[in-house]
Amino acid sequence: IESGKAAVFSVGVQNFGEETTSSTFRIDKKTSGASDSLEFTLPDPFSLEPGEKKGLPIEIRLPKGAPPGKSYPVTIVVYKGSEEYSDQAIIISVKEE
């Protein structure tokens, strides 16, 4: 991603539960150090029926002035109710000129 710019990524979530009613999910992020300077636009909590799956957008914006080649580690976390359901570590890098 270019310094100061944003990119949209899709996160897929599937409800593998065996409940007979829908469950509420939410997407969050874990960052530390320099990654705390990233800006995120995350989707609102949502419900999925058992077996249902959905793709949701996450926007990540790099800070202005981020040096080319700099990398930012981020973990995208999905919660089902109040419990962690799954996570995925990603690395966001500043485009080199």
Protein backbone atom coordinates (compact mmCIF):
# COMPACT_ATOMS: atom_id res chain seq x y z
CA ILE A 1 0.00 0.00 0.00
CA GLU A 2 1.30 3.49 -0.72
CA SER A 3 2.15 5.72 2.25
CA GLY A 4 -0.95 7.59 3.44
CA LYS A 5 -3.27 5.44 1.30
CA ALA A 6 -5.83 2.79 2.20
CA ALA A 7 -6.63 -0.66 0.86
CA VAL A 8 -9.70 -2.81 1.39
CA PHE A 9 -9.33 -6.50 2.21
CA SER A 10 -12.06 -9.10 2.49
CA VAL A 11 -12.33 -11.34 5.53
CA GLY A 12 -14.35 -14.52 5.18
CA VAL A 13 -16.25 -15.83 8.19
CA GLN A 14 -18.24 -19.05 8.41
CA ASN A 15 -20.40 -20.20 11.31
CA PHE A 16 -19.34 -23.82 11.88
CA GLY A 17 -21.50 -24.04 15.00
CA GLU A 18 -24.16 -26.65 15.49
CA GLU A 19 -26.60 -24.32 17.23
CA THR A 20 -30.11 -24.07 15.88
CA THR A 21 -30.14 -20.26 15.95
CA SER A 22 -27.87 -17.58 14.53
CA SER A 23 -24.76 -16.38 16.34
CA THR A 24 -23.35 -12.86 16.55
CA PHE A 25 -19.83 -12.26 15.28
CA ARG A 26 -17.54 -9.25 15.29
CA ILE A 27 -14.19 -8.53 13.66
CA ASP A 28 -11.40 -6.73 15.50
CA LYS A 29 -7.64 -6.29 15.20
CA LYS A 30 -4.57 -6.68 17.38
CA THR A 31 -1.63 -4.38 16.79
CA SER A 32 1.47 -3.34 18.69
CA GLY A 33 4.35 -0.92 18.29
CA ALA A 34 4.41 0.86 14.91
CA SER A 35 1.28 -1.05 13.83
CA ASP A 36 -0.70 1.08 16.32
CA SER A 37 -0.37 3.96 13.81
CA LEU A 38 -2.50 2.16 11.20
CA GLU A 39 -6.12 3.26 10.80
CA PHE A 40 -8.83 0.61 10.47
CA THR A 41 -12.44 0.68 9.31
CA LEU A 42 -14.03 -2.52 10.60
CA PRO A 43 -17.54 -3.87 9.93
CA ASP A 44 -20.29 -3.69 12.53
CA PRO A 45 -21.15 -6.90 14.44
CA PHE A 46 -23.21 -9.29 12.31
CA SER A 47 -25.20 -12.52 12.65
CA LEU A 48 -24.72 -15.79 10.80
CA GLU A 49 -26.96 -18.83 10.77
CA PRO A 50 -25.26 -22.22 11.34
CA GLY A 51 -23.37 -23.14 8.16
CA GLU A 52 -23.70 -19.62 6.70
CA LYS A 53 -20.61 -17.77 5.49
CA LYS A 54 -19.99 -14.17 4.61
CA GLY A 55 -17.20 -11.96 3.26
CA LEU A 56 -16.76 -8.60 4.95
CA PRO A 57 -14.56 -5.61 4.02
CA ILE A 58 -11.82 -4.24 6.24
CA GLU A 59 -10.11 -1.00 5.28
CA ILE A 60 -6.54 -0.42 6.46
CA ARG A 61 -4.87 2.97 5.98
CA LEU A 62 -1.13 3.53 6.29
CA PRO A 63 0.14 6.67 8.03
CA LYS A 64 1.38 9.53 5.83
CA GLY A 65 5.15 9.58 5.64
CA ALA A 66 5.53 5.83 6.25
CA PRO A 67 8.88 4.89 4.72
CA PRO A 68 8.91 2.67 1.60
CA GLY A 69 9.48 -0.99 2.48
CA LYS A 70 8.28 -0.60 6.09
CA SER A 71 6.14 -3.53 7.26
CA TYR A 72 3.35 -3.55 9.84
CA PRO A 73 2.24 -6.85 11.43
CA VAL A 74 -1.48 -7.09 12.23
CA THR A 75 -3.69 -9.89 13.51
CA ILE A 76 -7.32 -9.88 12.39
CA VAL A 77 -9.47 -11.52 15.06
CA VAL A 78 -13.03 -12.84 14.72
CA TYR A 79 -15.13 -13.15 17.88
CA LYS A 80 -18.22 -15.30 18.22
CA GLY A 81 -20.16 -13.73 21.04
CA SER A 82 -17.45 -12.75 23.53
CA GLU A 83 -15.06 -15.62 22.70
CA GLU A 84 -12.24 -15.58 20.16
CA TYR A 85 -13.38 -17.71 17.20
CA SER A 86 -10.42 -17.41 14.81
CA ASP A 87 -7.52 -15.18 13.87
CA GLN A 88 -5.24 -14.50 10.93
CA ALA A 89 -1.88 -12.75 11.02
CA ILE A 90 -1.10 -10.48 8.06
CA ILE A 91 1.72 -8.09 7.17
CA ILE A 92 0.96 -4.72 5.57
CA SER A 93 3.92 -3.26 3.67
CA VAL A 94 4.52 0.22 2.29
CA LYS A 95 4.93 0.16 -1.47
CA GLU A 96 8.48 0.80 -2.59
CA GLU A 97 8.87 3.51 -5.18
